[in-house]
Amino acid sequence: MMNIGQVLKISVMGLIGAAMVQATRRRLNRMNLNGKIVLITGGSRGLGLALAKEFARRGALLALCGRSDKHLQKVEEALRRTGAEVFTHSADVTNIAQVEHLMQQVHARYGRIDILINNAGAMLVGPKDVMEVADYKKIMETNCWSSLYCTQAIAPYFKVAGVGHIVNITSIGGKIAVPHMLPYSVSKFAMMGLSQGLTAELAAERIKVTTVVPNLMRTGSPRNITVKGHHRKEYAWFKIADSLPFLSQSAANAAQQIVDGIAAEKVEITLTLTAKIAIALQALCPSIIAQTSGLANRLMPKSHNAVEKKGYESESMLSRNALTRTTDMAAQIYNQHE
């Protein structure tokens, strides 16, 4: 009769073996992205643009959505110069009618859509005392409901085709609440639940869902976040954190990892070792994460200023220095300056 130790050993070996078999199967069945039609929301700058470049490099045909015609035109011209096939359409993905029209236009252009990347999002930084219910609703609309609207709008096309793939870009902030980013974390926690639920329920319809969990990445996005509270100090800590190599990763590297995971049809992609360790600690020792977050919160700036400013309006000597140079460079590369 086996003892508990032997049973545990056999169980662990079985799990390792199953994981190895699954990894081998993914490699053998890796999706060929050449000729795939990929629709990316928030595709005119930041991570969306980085993903567009990576998909184009692998031969995919692009459909990019954003709010600004000017930004989309600039990106379209730049991608076409590299030989990419690109279609752009301006839409506000928090508007259901505009989302449905977007799907119609992309389908009319290409005849089908193979992969939807729900990437559009917004960030609001500041202490909880200056956040109003309207702030939570606005960020939730952009970061969560927009993904639901796009998913519902594309589902009929996927059902007719008998296949489809939805990719939801969530955040480490959807696994662990980040101080001074409470509306953002709430929206990303909701999106995490939505994505996991869709994974289960859409499988029966042969629609795959991939949940992406990025950490901070250097896309130049701090310029376009919204800041409340002590604007210069709030912006400075966020921009510095976004620039540090051990806290953030390059957008190009992140895009490559995400597209690799999509090609392998992974259910969930967590991008950095830092994020994986933090998520594991949250699961195993939540008190450690709570204490660490509480300490971080005590060190953050205090203010009751509820006025909103954009990141680029909050620049100062605190945020413009050698530490943040990589983020400033990324802003140029990923179309964040206009």
C-alpha atoms as a PDB file:
ATOM      1  CA  MET A   1       0.000   0.000   0.000  1.00  0.00           C
ATOM      2  CA  MET A   2       1.401   3.397  -1.013  1.00  0.00           C
ATOM      3  CA  ASN A   3       1.991   6.065   1.591  1.00  0.00           C
ATOM      4  CA  ILE A   4       0.957   9.716   1.199  1.00  0.00           C
ATOM      5  CA  GLY A   5       4.429  10.709  -0.005  1.00  0.00           C
ATOM      6  CA  GLN A   6       4.357   8.161  -2.838  1.00  0.00           C
ATOM      7  CA  VAL A   7       0.859   9.241  -3.853  1.00  0.00           C
ATOM      8  CA  LEU A   8       1.939  12.904  -3.971  1.00  0.00           C
ATOM      9  CA  LYS A   9       5.049  12.013  -5.960  1.00  0.00           C
ATOM     10  CA  ILE A  10       3.014  10.083  -8.545  1.00  0.00           C
ATOM     11  CA  SER A  11       0.471  12.917  -8.743  1.00  0.00           C
ATOM     12  CA  VAL A  12       3.161  15.537  -9.310  1.00  0.00           C
ATOM     13  CA  MET A  13       4.861  13.376 -11.944  1.00  0.00           C
ATOM     14  CA  GLY A  14       1.507  12.920 -13.653  1.00  0.00           C
ATOM     15  CA  LEU A  15       0.881  16.671 -13.725  1.00  0.00           C
ATOM     16  CA  ILE A  16       4.363  17.321 -15.128  1.00  0.00           C
ATOM     17  CA  GLY A  17       3.830  14.651 -17.768  1.00  0.00           C
ATOM     18  CA  ALA A  18       0.460  16.096 -18.760  1.00  0.00           C
ATOM     19  CA  ALA A  19       1.974  19.577 -19.014  1.00  0.00           C
ATOM     20  CA  MET A  20       4.772  18.267 -21.248  1.00  0.00           C
ATOM     21  CA  VAL A  21       2.280  16.490 -23.507  1.00  0.00           C
ATOM     22  CA  GLN A  22       0.158  19.648 -23.742  1.00  0.00           C
ATOM     23  CA  ALA A  23       3.210  21.782 -24.564  1.00  0.00           C
ATOM     24  CA  THR A  24       4.281  19.337 -27.294  1.00  0.00           C
ATOM     25  CA  ARG A  25       0.764  19.309 -28.737  1.00  0.00           C
ATOM     26  CA  ARG A  26       0.739  23.140 -28.831  1.00  0.00           C
ATOM     27  CA  ARG A  27       4.048  23.203 -30.719  1.00  0.00           C
ATOM     28  CA  LEU A  28       2.802  20.680 -33.282  1.00  0.00           C
ATOM     29  CA  ASN A  29      -0.552  22.434 -33.720  1.00  0.00           C
ATOM     30  CA  ARG A  30       0.774  26.002 -33.664  1.00  0.00           C
ATOM     31  CA  MET A  31      -1.486  28.264 -35.728  1.00  0.00           C
ATOM     32  CA  ASN A  32      -0.059  29.602 -38.973  1.00  0.00           C
ATOM     33  CA  LEU A  33      -0.830  33.332 -38.839  1.00  0.00           C
ATOM     34  CA  ASN A  34       0.024  34.007 -42.473  1.00  0.00           C
ATOM     35  CA  GLY A  35      -3.123  35.338 -44.170  1.00  0.00           C
ATOM     36  CA  LYS A  36      -5.165  35.494 -40.952  1.00  0.00           C
ATOM     37  CA  ILE A  37      -7.465  38.495 -40.553  1.00  0.00           C
ATOM     38  CA  VAL A  38      -6.708  40.170 -37.232  1.00  0.00           C
ATOM     39  CA  LEU A  39      -8.843  42.978 -35.803  1.00  0.00           C
ATOM     40  CA  ILE A  40      -7.159  45.012 -33.054  1.00  0.00           C
ATOM     41  CA  THR A  41      -9.064  47.592 -31.016  1.00  0.00           C
ATOM     42  CA  GLY A  42      -6.914  50.416 -29.700  1.00  0.00           C
ATOM     43  CA  GLY A  43      -4.633  49.589 -32.615  1.00  0.00           C
ATOM     44  CA  SER A  44      -3.368  53.072 -33.436  1.00  0.00           C
ATOM     45  CA  ARG A  45      -0.805  53.334 -30.646  1.00  0.00           C
ATOM     46  CA  GLY A  46       0.820  51.630 -27.660  1.00  0.00           C
ATOM     47  CA  LEU A  47       0.515  47.857 -27.275  1.00  0.00           C
ATOM     48  CA  GLY A  48      -2.094  47.723 -30.045  1.00  0.00           C
ATOM     49  CA  LEU A  49       0.432  49.149 -32.494  1.00  0.00           C
ATOM     50  CA  ALA A  50       3.168  46.821 -31.219  1.00  0.00           C
ATOM     51  CA  LEU A  51       0.832  43.858 -31.787  1.00  0.00           C
ATOM     52  CA  ALA A  52      -0.056  45.138 -35.268  1.00  0.00           C
ATOM     53  CA  LYS A  53       3.649  45.237 -36.199  1.00  0.00           C
ATOM     54  CA  GLU A  54       4.221  41.710 -34.878  1.00  0.00           C
ATOM     55  CA  PHE A  55       1.174  40.242 -36.641  1.00  0.00           C
ATOM     56  CA  ALA A  56       2.177  41.974 -39.882  1.00  0.00           C
ATOM     57  CA  ARG A  57       5.688  40.527 -39.579  1.00  0.00           C
ATOM     58  CA  ARG A  58       4.094  37.072 -39.527  1.00  0.00           C
ATOM     59  CA  GLY A  59       1.979  37.718 -42.598  1.00  0.00           C
ATOM     60  CA  ALA A  60      -1.380  38.537 -41.012  1.00  0.00           C
ATOM     61  CA  LEU A  61      -3.803  41.003 -42.609  1.00  0.00           C
ATOM     62  CA  LEU A  62      -4.646  43.824 -40.250  1.00  0.00           C
ATOM     63  CA  ALA A  63      -7.813  45.686 -39.314  1.00  0.00           C
ATOM     64  CA  LEU A  64      -7.065  48.449 -36.814  1.00  0.00           C
ATOM     65  CA  CYS A  65      -9.607  50.401 -34.805  1.00  0.00           C
ATOM     66  CA  GLY A  66      -9.051  53.595 -32.840  1.00  0.00           C
ATOM     67  CA  ARG A  67     -10.855  56.819 -31.997  1.00  0.00           C
ATOM     68  CA  SER A  68      -8.620  59.155 -33.989  1.00  0.00           C
ATOM     69  CA  ASP A  69      -8.655  59.206 -37.793  1.00  0.00           C
ATOM     70  CA  LYS A  70      -5.390  61.146 -37.686  1.00  0.00           C
ATOM     71  CA  HIS A  71      -3.601  58.502 -35.602  1.00  0.00           C
ATOM     72  CA  LEU A  72      -5.012  55.666 -37.702  1.00  0.00           C
ATOM     73  CA  GLN A  73      -3.928  57.290 -40.963  1.00  0.00           C
ATOM     74  CA  LYS A  74      -0.388  57.781 -39.654  1.00  0.00           C
ATOM     75  CA  VAL A  75      -0.150  54.157 -38.527  1.00  0.00           C
ATOM     76  CA  GLU A  76      -1.692  52.830 -41.742  1.00  0.00           C
ATOM     77  CA  GLU A  77       0.838  54.686 -43.867  1.00  0.00           C
ATOM     78  CA  ALA A  78       3.750  53.510 -41.731  1.00  0.00           C
ATOM     79  CA  LEU A  79       2.648  49.861 -41.803  1.00  0.00           C
ATOM     80  CA  ARG A  80       1.968  49.900 -45.537  1.00  0.00           C
ATOM     81  CA  ARG A  81       5.536  51.075 -46.110  1.00  0.00           C
ATOM     82  CA  THR A  82       6.687  47.807 -44.504  1.00  0.00           C
ATOM     83  CA  GLY A  83       4.513  45.801 -46.923  1.00  0.00           C
ATOM     84  CA  ALA A  84       1.660  45.121 -44.502  1.00  0.00           C
ATOM     85  CA  GLU A  85      -1.956  44.846 -45.646  1.00  0.00           C
ATOM     86  CA  VAL A  86      -3.907  47.253 -43.428  1.00  0.00           C
ATOM     87  CA  PHE A  87      -7.483  48.438 -43.109  1.00  0.00           C
ATOM     88  CA  THR A  88      -8.334  51.109 -40.538  1.00  0.00           C
ATOM     89  CA  HIS A  89     -11.671  52.291 -39.209  1.00  0.00           C
ATOM     90  CA  SER A  90     -12.319  54.881 -36.497  1.00  0.00           C
ATOM     91  CA  ALA A  91     -14.817  53.868 -33.828  1.00  0.00           C
ATOM     92  CA  ASP A  92     -15.568  54.375 -30.161  1.00  0.00           C
ATOM     93  CA  VAL A  93     -15.783  50.817 -28.839  1.00  0.00           C
ATOM     94  CA  THR A  94     -17.821  51.951 -25.834  1.00  0.00           C
ATOM     95  CA  ASN A  95     -20.637  52.638 -28.323  1.00  0.00           C
ATOM     96  CA  ILE A  96     -22.505  49.464 -29.308  1.00  0.00           C
ATOM     97  CA  ALA A  97     -23.764  50.851 -32.641  1.00  0.00           C
ATOM     98  CA  GLN A  98     -20.238  51.903 -33.644  1.00  0.00           C
ATOM     99  CA  VAL A  99     -18.876  48.492 -32.659  1.00  0.00           C
ATOM    100  CA  GLU A 100     -21.446  46.703 -34.823  1.00  0.00           C
ATOM    101  CA  HIS A 101     -20.647  49.013 -37.745  1.00  0.00           C
ATOM    102  CA  LEU A 102     -16.928  48.309 -37.240  1.00  0.00           C
ATOM    103  CA  MET A 103     -17.512  44.558 -37.576  1.00  0.00           C
ATOM    104  CA  GLN A 104     -19.582  45.096 -40.707  1.00  0.00           C
ATOM    105  CA  GLN A 105     -16.875  47.236 -42.298  1.00  0.00           C
ATOM    106  CA  VAL A 106     -14.051  44.821 -41.533  1.00  0.00           C
ATOM    107  CA  HIS A 107     -16.093  41.870 -42.770  1.00  0.00           C
ATOM    108  CA  ALA A 108     -16.991  43.779 -45.945  1.00  0.00           C
ATOM    109  CA  ARG A 109     -13.293  44.504 -46.575  1.00  0.00           C
ATOM    110  CA  TYR A 110     -11.841  41.053 -45.919  1.00  0.00           C
ATOM    111  CA  GLY A 111     -14.810  38.687 -46.074  1.00  0.00           C
ATOM    112  CA  ARG A 112     -14.100  37.276 -42.628  1.00  0.00           C
ATOM    113  CA  ILE A 113     -12.411  37.950 -39.283  1.00  0.00           C
ATOM    114  CA  ASP A 114     -10.210  35.262 -37.736  1.00  0.00           C
ATOM    115  CA  ILE A 115      -8.900  36.880 -34.557  1.00  0.00           C
ATOM    116  CA  LEU A 116     -10.290  39.712 -32.419  1.00  0.00           C
ATOM    117  CA  ILE A 117      -7.876  41.459 -30.044  1.00  0.00           C
ATOM    118  CA  ASN A 118      -9.779  43.366 -27.338  1.00  0.00           C
ATOM    119  CA  ASN A 119      -6.983  45.792 -26.502  1.00  0.00           C
ATOM    120  CA  ALA A 120      -8.642  49.216 -26.146  1.00  0.00           C
ATOM    121  CA  GLY A 121      -8.266  50.624 -22.658  1.00  0.00           C
ATOM    122  CA  ALA A 122      -7.702  53.632 -20.428  1.00  0.00           C
ATOM    123  CA  MET A 123      -5.853  54.383 -17.180  1.00  0.00           C
ATOM    124  CA  LEU A 124      -6.767  56.681 -14.321  1.00  0.00           C
ATOM    125  CA  VAL A 125      -4.176  57.296 -11.591  1.00  0.00           C
ATOM    126  CA  GLY A 126      -4.765  58.935  -8.207  1.00  0.00           C
ATOM    127  CA  PRO A 127      -5.834  58.253  -4.593  1.00  0.00           C
ATOM    128  CA  LYS A 128      -9.249  56.737  -3.883  1.00  0.00           C
ATOM    129  CA  ASP A 129     -10.411  59.899  -2.080  1.00  0.00           C
ATOM    130  CA  VAL A 130     -10.537  61.847  -5.357  1.00  0.00           C
ATOM    131  CA  MET A 131     -12.275  59.116  -7.333  1.00  0.00           C
ATOM    132  CA  GLU A 132     -15.996  59.456  -7.980  1.00  0.00           C
ATOM    133  CA  VAL A 133     -18.483  56.795  -9.030  1.00  0.00           C
ATOM    134  CA  ALA A 134     -18.457  58.353 -12.496  1.00  0.00           C
ATOM    135  CA  ASP A 135     -14.715  57.604 -12.734  1.00  0.00           C
ATOM    136  CA  TYR A 136     -15.307  53.921 -12.051  1.00  0.00           C
ATOM    137  CA  LYS A 137     -18.114  53.802 -14.614  1.00  0.00           C
ATOM    138  CA  LYS A 138     -16.031  55.522 -17.297  1.00  0.00           C
ATOM    139  CA  ILE A 139     -13.017  53.245 -16.863  1.00  0.00           C
ATOM    140  CA  MET A 140     -15.255  50.179 -16.651  1.00  0.00           C
ATOM    141  CA  GLU A 141     -16.933  51.177 -19.913  1.00  0.00           C
ATOM    142  CA  THR A 142     -13.612  51.488 -21.721  1.00  0.00           C
ATOM    143  CA  ASN A 143     -11.749  48.557 -20.190  1.00  0.00           C
ATOM    144  CA  CYS A 144     -14.471  45.948 -19.741  1.00  0.00           C
ATOM    145  CA  TRP A 145     -17.790  46.700 -21.425  1.00  0.00           C
ATOM    146  CA  SER A 146     -16.058  47.560 -24.705  1.00  0.00           C
ATOM    147  CA  SER A 147     -14.657  44.018 -24.806  1.00  0.00           C
ATOM    148  CA  LEU A 148     -18.110  42.586 -24.168  1.00  0.00           C
ATOM    149  CA  TYR A 149     -19.600  44.759 -26.926  1.00  0.00           C
ATOM    150  CA  CYS A 150     -16.938  43.630 -29.399  1.00  0.00           C
ATOM    151  CA  THR A 151     -17.325  39.988 -28.382  1.00  0.00           C
ATOM    152  CA  GLN A 152     -21.097  40.082 -28.812  1.00  0.00           C
ATOM    153  CA  ALA A 153     -20.796  41.875 -32.150  1.00  0.00           C
ATOM    154  CA  ILE A 154     -18.288  39.417 -33.602  1.00  0.00           C
ATOM    155  CA  ALA A 155     -19.892  36.222 -32.247  1.00  0.00           C
ATOM    156  CA  PRO A 156     -22.438  35.878 -35.112  1.00  0.00           C
ATOM    157  CA  TYR A 157     -19.609  36.025 -37.684  1.00  0.00           C
ATOM    158  CA  PHE A 158     -17.611  33.403 -35.787  1.00  0.00           C
ATOM    159  CA  LYS A 159     -20.664  31.161 -35.448  1.00  0.00           C
ATOM    160  CA  VAL A 160     -21.286  31.251 -39.201  1.00  0.00           C
ATOM    161  CA  ALA A 161     -17.620  30.514 -39.870  1.00  0.00           C
ATOM    162  CA  GLY A 162     -17.635  27.732 -37.293  1.00  0.00           C
ATOM    163  CA  VAL A 163     -14.395  29.008 -35.770  1.00  0.00           C
ATOM    164  CA  GLY A 164     -12.898  32.143 -34.212  1.00  0.00           C
ATOM    165  CA  HIS A 165     -10.421  33.404 -31.645  1.00  0.00           C
ATOM    166  CA  ILE A 166     -10.941  36.210 -29.111  1.00  0.00           C
ATOM    167  CA  VAL A 167      -7.980  37.666 -27.220  1.00  0.00           C
ATOM    168  CA  ASN A 168      -8.625  39.825 -24.148  1.00  0.00           C
ATOM    169  CA  ILE A 169      -5.782  42.061 -22.954  1.00  0.00           C
ATOM    170  CA  THR A 170      -6.256  42.302 -19.194  1.00  0.00           C
ATOM    171  CA  SER A 171      -3.538  43.294 -16.690  1.00  0.00           C
ATOM    172  CA  ILE A 172      -1.628  42.278 -13.592  1.00  0.00           C
ATOM    173  CA  GLY A 173      -3.955  44.913 -12.110  1.00  0.00           C
ATOM    174  CA  GLY A 174      -6.767  42.425 -12.745  1.00  0.00           C
ATOM    175  CA  LYS A 175      -5.080  39.867 -10.496  1.00  0.00           C
ATOM    176  CA  ILE A 176      -3.709  42.186  -7.795  1.00  0.00           C
ATOM    177  CA  ALA A 177      -5.252  45.569  -6.961  1.00  0.00           C
ATOM    178  CA  VAL A 178      -2.748  48.395  -7.433  1.00  0.00           C
ATOM    179  CA  PRO A 179      -2.809  51.366  -5.004  1.00  0.00           C
ATOM    180  CA  HIS A 180      -3.834  54.673  -6.595  1.00  0.00           C
ATOM    181  CA  MET A 181      -5.256  52.788  -9.600  1.00  0.00           C
ATOM    182  CA  LEU A 182      -8.471  51.488  -8.032  1.00  0.00           C
ATOM    183  CA  PRO A 183     -10.929  52.170 -10.910  1.00  0.00           C
ATOM    184  CA  TYR A 184      -8.448  50.573 -13.320  1.00  0.00           C
ATOM    185  CA  SER A 185      -7.998  47.486 -11.122  1.00  0.00           C
ATOM    186  CA  VAL A 186     -11.755  47.095 -10.658  1.00  0.00           C
ATOM    187  CA  SER A 187     -12.264  47.192 -14.431  1.00  0.00           C
ATOM    188  CA  LYS A 188      -9.486  44.702 -15.092  1.00  0.00           C
ATOM    189  CA  PHE A 189     -10.718  42.295 -12.402  1.00  0.00           C
ATOM    190  CA  ALA A 190     -14.096  42.414 -14.147  1.00  0.00           C
ATOM    191  CA  MET A 191     -12.511  41.829 -17.523  1.00  0.00           C
ATOM    192  CA  MET A 192     -10.589  38.866 -16.110  1.00  0.00           C
ATOM    193  CA  GLY A 193     -13.835  37.274 -14.961  1.00  0.00           C
ATOM    194  CA  LEU A 194     -15.511  38.023 -18.273  1.00  0.00           C
ATOM    195  CA  SER A 195     -12.648  36.477 -20.221  1.00  0.00           C
ATOM    196  CA  GLN A 196     -12.471  33.343 -18.100  1.00  0.00           C
ATOM    197  CA  GLY A 197     -16.230  32.879 -18.311  1.00  0.00           C
ATOM    198  CA  LEU A 198     -16.212  33.320 -22.074  1.00  0.00           C
ATOM    199  CA  THR A 199     -13.426  30.744 -22.364  1.00  0.00           C
ATOM    200  CA  ALA A 200     -15.719  28.120 -20.869  1.00  0.00           C
ATOM    201  CA  GLU A 201     -18.968  29.091 -22.572  1.00  0.00           C
ATOM    202  CA  LEU A 202     -17.697  29.762 -26.092  1.00  0.00           C
ATOM    203  CA  ALA A 203     -15.681  26.534 -26.310  1.00  0.00           C
ATOM    204  CA  ALA A 204     -18.832  24.620 -27.292  1.00  0.00           C
ATOM    205  CA  GLU A 205     -19.161  26.945 -30.302  1.00  0.00           C
ATOM    206  CA  ARG A 206     -15.530  26.355 -31.353  1.00  0.00           C
ATOM    207  CA  ILE A 207     -14.587  29.910 -30.433  1.00  0.00           C
ATOM    208  CA  LYS A 208     -11.292  30.055 -28.569  1.00  0.00           C
ATOM    209  CA  VAL A 209     -10.560  32.705 -25.946  1.00  0.00           C
ATOM    210  CA  THR A 210      -7.116  33.761 -24.733  1.00  0.00           C
ATOM    211  CA  THR A 211      -6.637  35.920 -21.636  1.00  0.00           C
ATOM    212  CA  VAL A 212      -3.447  38.005 -21.654  1.00  0.00           C
ATOM    213  CA  VAL A 213      -2.046  39.257 -18.330  1.00  0.00           C
ATOM    214  CA  PRO A 214       0.619  41.903 -19.000  1.00  0.00           C
ATOM    215  CA  ASN A 215       2.706  43.680 -16.421  1.00  0.00           C
ATOM    216  CA  LEU A 216       3.835  47.256 -17.028  1.00  0.00           C
ATOM    217  CA  MET A 217       5.346  47.676 -20.464  1.00  0.00           C
ATOM    218  CA  ARG A 218       7.251  50.424 -22.184  1.00  0.00           C
ATOM    219  CA  THR A 219       4.784  51.683 -24.804  1.00  0.00           C
ATOM    220  CA  GLY A 220       5.031  55.386 -23.897  1.00  0.00           C
ATOM    221  CA  SER A 221       1.467  55.239 -22.548  1.00  0.00           C
ATOM    222  CA  PRO A 222       2.059  57.400 -19.418  1.00  0.00           C
ATOM    223  CA  ARG A 223       1.730  60.515 -21.583  1.00  0.00           C
ATOM    224  CA  ASN A 224      -1.911  59.694 -22.233  1.00  0.00           C
ATOM    225  CA  ILE A 225      -3.110  58.445 -18.865  1.00  0.00           C
ATOM    226  CA  THR A 226      -5.495  60.560 -16.789  1.00  0.00           C
ATOM    227  CA  VAL A 227      -4.179  61.838 -13.450  1.00  0.00           C
ATOM    228  CA  LYS A 228      -5.995  63.125 -10.366  1.00  0.00           C
ATOM    229  CA  GLY A 229      -4.624  64.218  -6.995  1.00  0.00           C
ATOM    230  CA  HIS A 230      -1.108  65.660  -6.860  1.00  0.00           C
ATOM    231  CA  HIS A 231      -0.642  65.552 -10.615  1.00  0.00           C
ATOM    232  CA  ARG A 232       3.126  65.862 -10.903  1.00  0.00           C
ATOM    233  CA  LYS A 233       3.911  63.394  -8.137  1.00  0.00           C
ATOM    234  CA  GLU A 234       1.287  60.857  -9.235  1.00  0.00           C
ATOM    235  CA  TYR A 235       2.490  61.034 -12.812  1.00  0.00           C
ATOM    236  CA  ALA A 236       6.134  60.768 -11.749  1.00  0.00           C
ATOM    237  CA  TRP A 237       5.766  57.527  -9.775  1.00  0.00           C
ATOM    238  CA  PHE A 238       3.751  55.922 -12.555  1.00  0.00           C
ATOM    239  CA  LYS A 239       6.128  56.972 -15.318  1.00  0.00           C
ATOM    240  CA  ILE A 240       9.218  55.871 -13.367  1.00  0.00           C
ATOM    241  CA  ALA A 241       7.649  52.480 -12.580  1.00  0.00           C
ATOM    242  CA  ASP A 242       6.722  52.128 -16.254  1.00  0.00           C
ATOM    243  CA  SER A 243      10.369  52.738 -17.192  1.00  0.00           C
ATOM    244  CA  LEU A 244      12.253  50.436 -14.814  1.00  0.00           C
ATOM    245  CA  PRO A 245      13.462  47.198 -16.487  1.00  0.00           C
ATOM    246  CA  PHE A 246      12.666  44.933 -13.504  1.00  0.00           C
ATOM    247  CA  LEU A 247       9.092  46.291 -13.313  1.00  0.00           C
ATOM    248  CA  SER A 248       8.304  46.662 -17.029  1.00  0.00           C
ATOM    249  CA  GLN A 249       9.160  45.033 -20.334  1.00  0.00           C
ATOM    250  CA  SER A 250       9.634  46.314 -23.850  1.00  0.00           C
ATOM    251  CA  ALA A 251       6.489  46.513 -25.958  1.00  0.00           C
ATOM    252  CA  ALA A 252       8.140  44.611 -28.823  1.00  0.00           C
ATOM    253  CA  ASN A 253       9.035  41.724 -26.513  1.00  0.00           C
ATOM    254  CA  ALA A 254       5.540  41.729 -25.009  1.00  0.00           C
ATOM    255  CA  ALA A 255       3.932  41.678 -28.466  1.00  0.00           C
ATOM    256  CA  GLN A 256       6.097  38.758 -29.528  1.00  0.00           C
ATOM    257  CA  GLN A 257       5.161  36.761 -26.426  1.00  0.00           C
ATOM    258  CA  ILE A 258       1.469  37.524 -26.903  1.00  0.00           C
ATOM    259  CA  VAL A 259       1.431  36.548 -30.570  1.00  0.00           C
ATOM    260  CA  ASP A 260       3.402  33.374 -29.797  1.00  0.00           C
ATOM    261  CA  GLY A 261       0.780  32.498 -27.184  1.00  0.00           C
ATOM    262  CA  ILE A 262      -2.071  33.206 -29.587  1.00  0.00           C
ATOM    263  CA  ALA A 263      -0.454  31.014 -32.241  1.00  0.00           C
ATOM    264  CA  ALA A 264      -0.147  28.249 -29.635  1.00  0.00           C
ATOM    265  CA  GLU A 265      -3.809  28.845 -28.711  1.00  0.00           C
ATOM    266  CA  LYS A 266      -3.005  29.246 -25.022  1.00  0.00           C
ATOM    267  CA  VAL A 267      -5.883  29.890 -22.646  1.00  0.00           C
ATOM    268  CA  GLU A 268      -3.907  32.372 -20.540  1.00  0.00           C
ATOM    269  CA  ILE A 269      -0.649  34.227 -21.119  1.00  0.00           C
ATOM    270  CA  THR A 270       1.133  35.886 -18.193  1.00  0.00           C
ATOM    271  CA  LEU A 271       3.987  37.862 -19.643  1.00  0.00           C
ATOM    272  CA  THR A 272       6.701  38.469 -17.046  1.00  0.00           C
ATOM    273  CA  LEU A 273       8.377  36.535 -14.265  1.00  0.00           C
ATOM    274  CA  THR A 274       7.630  39.453 -11.919  1.00  0.00           C
ATOM    275  CA  ALA A 275       3.912  39.126 -12.659  1.00  0.00           C
ATOM    276  CA  LYS A 276       3.994  35.339 -12.245  1.00  0.00           C
ATOM    277  CA  ILE A 277       5.698  35.612  -8.853  1.00  0.00           C
ATOM    278  CA  ALA A 278       3.280  38.305  -7.671  1.00  0.00           C
ATOM    279  CA  ILE A 279       0.249  36.257  -8.755  1.00  0.00           C
ATOM    280  CA  ALA A 280       1.639  33.152  -7.021  1.00  0.00           C
ATOM    281  CA  LEU A 281       2.237  35.124  -3.818  1.00  0.00           C
ATOM    282  CA  GLN A 282      -1.286  36.540  -3.979  1.00  0.00           C
ATOM    283  CA  ALA A 283      -2.661  32.998  -4.218  1.00  0.00           C
ATOM    284  CA  LEU A 284      -0.415  31.441  -1.557  1.00  0.00           C
ATOM    285  CA  CYS A 285       0.306  34.338   0.823  1.00  0.00           C
ATOM    286  CA  PRO A 286      -2.258  37.120   0.263  1.00  0.00           C
ATOM    287  CA  SER A 287      -1.212  38.831   3.488  1.00  0.00           C
ATOM    288  CA  ILE A 288       2.248  39.520   2.052  1.00  0.00           C
ATOM    289  CA  ILE A 289       0.764  41.246  -0.989  1.00  0.00           C
ATOM    290  CA  ALA A 290      -1.675  43.171   1.228  1.00  0.00           C
ATOM    291  CA  GLN A 291       1.140  44.386   3.483  1.00  0.00           C
ATOM    292  CA  THR A 292       3.349  45.312   0.537  1.00  0.00           C
ATOM    293  CA  SER A 293       0.518  47.202  -1.171  1.00  0.00           C
ATOM    294  CA  GLY A 294      -0.338  48.966   2.088  1.00  0.00           C
ATOM    295  CA  LEU A 295       3.267  50.096   2.503  1.00  0.00           C
ATOM    296  CA  ALA A 296       3.380  51.330  -1.088  1.00  0.00           C
ATOM    297  CA  ASN A 297       0.149  53.259  -0.531  1.00  0.00           C
ATOM    298  CA  ARG A 298       1.555  55.015   2.533  1.00  0.00           C
ATOM    299  CA  LEU A 299       4.517  56.207   0.459  1.00  0.00           C
ATOM    300  CA  MET A 300       2.338  57.598  -2.339  1.00  0.00           C
ATOM    301  CA  PRO A 301       1.381  61.294  -2.604  1.00  0.00           C
ATOM    302  CA  LYS A 302      -1.634  62.542  -0.676  1.00  0.00           C
ATOM    303  CA  SER A 303      -4.026  65.054  -2.198  1.00  0.00           C
ATOM    304  CA  HIS A 304      -7.733  65.923  -2.395  1.00  0.00           C
ATOM    305  CA  ASN A 305      -7.434  67.569  -5.810  1.00  0.00           C
ATOM    306  CA  ALA A 306     -10.141  65.988  -7.999  1.00  0.00           C
ATOM    307  CA  VAL A 307      -9.180  67.923 -11.153  1.00  0.00           C
ATOM    308  CA  GLU A 308      -8.231  65.689 -14.086  1.00  0.00           C
ATOM    309  CA  LYS A 309      -5.099  66.223 -16.147  1.00  0.00           C
ATOM    310  CA  LYS A 310      -3.444  64.148 -18.837  1.00  0.00           C
ATOM    311  CA  GLY A 311      -0.011  62.709 -18.233  1.00  0.00           C
ATOM    312  CA  TYR A 312       1.722  65.054 -20.660  1.00  0.00           C
ATOM    313  CA  GLU A 313       0.182  67.992 -18.748  1.00  0.00           C
ATOM    314  CA  SER A 314       1.751  66.689 -15.523  1.00  0.00           C
ATOM    315  CA  GLU A 315       5.385  66.501 -16.638  1.00  0.00           C
ATOM    316  CA  SER A 316       8.011  67.966 -14.301  1.00  0.00           C
ATOM    317  CA  MET A 317      11.622  67.462 -13.305  1.00  0.00           C
ATOM    318  CA  LEU A 318      10.367  64.518 -11.242  1.00  0.00           C
ATOM    319  CA  SER A 319       9.179  62.666 -14.340  1.00  0.00           C
ATOM    320  CA  ARG A 320      11.625  63.932 -16.966  1.00  0.00           C
ATOM    321  CA  ASN A 321      15.002  62.389 -16.151  1.00  0.00           C
ATOM    322  CA  ALA A 322      17.435  59.599 -17.042  1.00  0.00           C
ATOM    323  CA  LEU A 323      15.224  56.953 -15.423  1.00  0.00           C
ATOM    324  CA  THR A 324      12.284  57.741 -17.713  1.00  0.00           C
ATOM    325  CA  ARG A 325      14.197  58.108 -20.972  1.00  0.00           C
ATOM    326  CA  THR A 326      13.123  54.662 -22.205  1.00  0.00           C
ATOM    327  CA  THR A 327       9.450  55.568 -21.819  1.00  0.00           C
ATOM    328  CA  ASP A 328       9.965  58.848 -23.705  1.00  0.00           C
ATOM    329  CA  MET A 329      11.652  56.924 -26.528  1.00  0.00           C
ATOM    330  CA  ALA A 330       8.831  54.366 -26.573  1.00  0.00           C
ATOM    331  CA  ALA A 331       6.289  57.204 -26.885  1.00  0.00           C
ATOM    332  CA  GLN A 332       7.920  58.197 -30.157  1.00  0.00           C
ATOM    333  CA  ILE A 333       7.960  54.637 -31.502  1.00  0.00           C
ATOM    334  CA  TYR A 334       4.394  53.770 -30.511  1.00  0.00           C
ATOM    335  CA  ASN A 335       2.585  56.900 -31.636  1.00  0.00           C
ATOM    336  CA  GLN A 336       1.901  58.340 -28.184  1.00  0.00           C
ATOM    337  CA  HIS A 337       3.082  61.897 -28.813  1.00  0.00           C
ATOM    338  CA  GLU A 338       0.160  63.300 -30.780  1.00  0.00           C
END
